[in-house]
Amino acid sequence: MRALIHKNNMQEKDLLREVEELSGQNLYACYQCGKCTAGCPLAFSMDILPHTIIRLMQLGQLEPVLSSNTPWHCAACLTCSSRCPKGVDLARVMEALRALLIRAGYAPIQVFRLPAELAAQLPQQAAVSALRKHSG
Protein backbone atom coordinates (compact mmCIF):
# COMPACT_ATOMS: atom_id res chain seq x y z
CA MET A 1 0.00 0.00 0.00
CA ARG A 2 2.75 2.35 -1.01
CA ALA A 3 0.01 4.56 -2.43
CA LEU A 4 -1.22 5.32 1.08
CA ILE A 5 2.17 6.63 2.07
CA HIS A 6 2.54 8.68 -1.10
CA LYS A 7 -1.06 9.87 -1.17
CA ASN A 8 -0.76 11.32 2.30
CA ASN A 9 2.79 12.51 1.61
CA MET A 10 3.96 10.64 4.65
CA GLN A 11 7.15 8.91 5.58
CA GLU A 12 6.81 5.44 7.01
CA LYS A 13 7.83 6.77 10.43
CA ASP A 14 4.96 9.26 10.27
CA LEU A 15 2.56 6.49 9.42
CA LEU A 16 3.83 4.41 12.32
CA ARG A 17 3.30 7.35 14.66
CA GLU A 18 -0.21 7.78 13.29
CA VAL A 19 -0.99 4.12 13.96
CA GLU A 20 0.29 4.57 17.51
CA GLU A 21 -1.70 7.77 17.95
CA LEU A 22 -4.93 6.36 16.56
CA SER A 23 -4.65 3.14 18.52
CA GLY A 24 -3.23 4.67 21.68
CA GLN A 25 -0.73 1.82 21.82
CA ASN A 26 3.04 1.75 22.20
CA LEU A 27 4.07 -0.70 19.52
CA TYR A 28 7.57 -0.97 20.93
CA ALA A 29 6.22 -2.46 24.17
CA CYS A 30 5.67 -5.75 22.34
CA TYR A 31 8.51 -8.20 22.82
CA GLN A 32 7.19 -10.84 20.45
CA CYS A 33 6.05 -13.50 22.89
CA GLY A 34 3.42 -14.58 20.34
CA LYS A 35 0.60 -15.07 22.83
CA CYS A 36 -1.63 -12.86 20.72
CA THR A 37 -1.17 -15.09 17.71
CA ALA A 38 -1.52 -18.29 19.76
CA GLY A 39 -4.91 -17.14 21.03
CA CYS A 40 -6.27 -15.55 17.87
CA PRO A 41 -9.21 -17.60 16.59
CA LEU A 42 -8.73 -16.25 13.06
CA ALA A 43 -4.93 -16.48 12.77
CA PHE A 44 -5.35 -19.39 10.37
CA SER A 45 -6.92 -17.06 7.79
CA MET A 46 -4.39 -14.24 8.08
CA ASP A 47 -1.54 -13.94 5.62
CA ILE A 48 0.68 -12.30 8.27
CA LEU A 49 0.31 -13.43 11.86
CA PRO A 50 -0.71 -10.80 14.44
CA HIS A 51 2.60 -10.70 16.34
CA THR A 52 4.44 -10.42 13.02
CA ILE A 53 2.35 -7.37 12.12
CA ILE A 54 3.67 -5.65 15.23
CA ARG A 55 7.25 -6.74 14.48
CA LEU A 56 7.10 -5.44 10.92
CA MET A 57 5.84 -2.09 12.18
CA GLN A 58 8.60 -1.97 14.80
CA LEU A 59 11.08 -2.47 11.97
CA GLY A 60 9.42 0.24 9.87
CA GLN A 61 8.29 -2.22 7.21
CA LEU A 62 4.77 -0.95 6.69
CA GLU A 63 4.32 -1.97 3.08
CA PRO A 64 3.62 -5.65 3.83
CA VAL A 65 1.47 -4.65 6.80
CA LEU A 66 -0.73 -2.34 4.76
CA SER A 67 -0.99 -4.86 1.92
CA SER A 68 -1.91 -7.68 4.27
CA ASN A 69 -5.36 -9.13 4.80
CA THR A 70 -4.68 -9.41 8.54
CA PRO A 71 -6.27 -6.10 9.65
CA TRP A 72 -9.42 -7.03 7.70
CA HIS A 73 -9.61 -10.53 9.15
CA CYS A 74 -9.25 -9.35 12.75
CA ALA A 75 -12.57 -9.92 14.48
CA ALA A 76 -11.66 -7.52 17.31
CA CYS A 77 -12.59 -10.23 19.79
CA LEU A 78 -9.89 -8.90 22.15
CA THR A 79 -8.41 -12.35 22.83
CA CYS A 80 -5.02 -11.02 21.75
CA SER A 81 -5.33 -8.01 24.02
CA SER A 82 -6.32 -10.08 27.02
CA ARG A 83 -3.34 -12.38 26.53
CA CYS A 84 -0.66 -9.73 26.02
CA PRO A 85 1.68 -9.55 29.04
CA LYS A 86 2.69 -6.00 28.06
CA GLY A 87 -0.86 -4.73 27.66
CA VAL A 88 -0.67 -4.02 23.94
CA ASP A 89 -4.20 -3.88 22.56
CA LEU A 90 -3.62 -5.40 19.15
CA ALA A 91 -7.30 -5.13 18.21
CA ARG A 92 -6.99 -1.34 18.46
CA VAL A 93 -3.87 -1.43 16.29
CA MET A 94 -5.78 -3.41 13.66
CA GLU A 95 -8.62 -0.91 13.87
CA ALA A 96 -6.18 1.96 13.36
CA LEU A 97 -4.70 0.22 10.32
CA ARG A 98 -8.17 -0.27 8.85
CA ALA A 99 -9.05 3.36 9.49
CA LEU A 100 -5.89 4.57 7.72
CA LEU A 101 -6.57 2.32 4.75
CA ILE A 102 -10.20 3.43 4.50
CA ARG A 103 -9.13 7.09 4.66
CA ALA A 104 -6.77 6.38 1.77
CA GLY A 105 -9.69 5.02 -0.23
CA TYR A 106 -8.79 1.37 0.10
CA ALA A 107 -11.44 -1.07 1.28
CA PRO A 108 -11.40 -4.68 0.13
CA ILE A 109 -15.17 -5.05 0.57
CA GLN A 110 -17.70 -2.46 -0.46
CA VAL A 111 -20.37 -3.16 2.12
CA PHE A 112 -22.90 -0.84 0.55
CA ARG A 113 -22.47 -2.47 -2.85
CA LEU A 114 -23.29 -6.03 -1.86
CA PRO A 115 -25.97 -7.64 -4.00
CA ALA A 116 -29.31 -7.58 -2.17
CA GLU A 117 -29.61 -11.38 -2.33
CA LEU A 118 -26.23 -11.84 -0.63
CA ALA A 119 -26.96 -9.15 1.94
CA ALA A 120 -30.26 -10.87 2.80
CA GLN A 121 -28.43 -14.14 3.50
CA LEU A 122 -25.88 -12.56 5.87
CA PRO A 123 -26.47 -12.96 9.58
CA GLN A 124 -27.36 -9.60 11.08
CA GLN A 125 -24.26 -9.68 13.28
CA ALA A 126 -22.04 -10.13 10.21
CA ALA A 127 -23.65 -7.15 8.51
CA VAL A 128 -23.20 -4.94 11.57
CA SER A 129 -19.60 -6.09 11.99
CA ALA A 130 -18.82 -5.42 8.33
CA LEU A 131 -20.35 -1.96 8.51
CA ARG A 132 -18.28 -1.12 11.59
CA LYS A 133 -15.10 -2.51 10.11
CA HIS A 134 -15.41 -1.08 6.63
CA SER A 135 -16.92 2.32 7.28
CA GLY A 136 -13.99 3.76 9.21
Foldseek 3Di string as FASTA:
>chain_A
DVLLCVVVVHQLVVVLVQLCVQLVFDLVLDPLPCQLQVQQPQQVVWPAGLSVLSVCSVVSNCVCVLVTCVLVRRLQPQSSQVRGPSNGRSVSSSLSSLVSCVVSVDDPDDLVPDPPVVVVPDDPVVSVSCCVSNVD
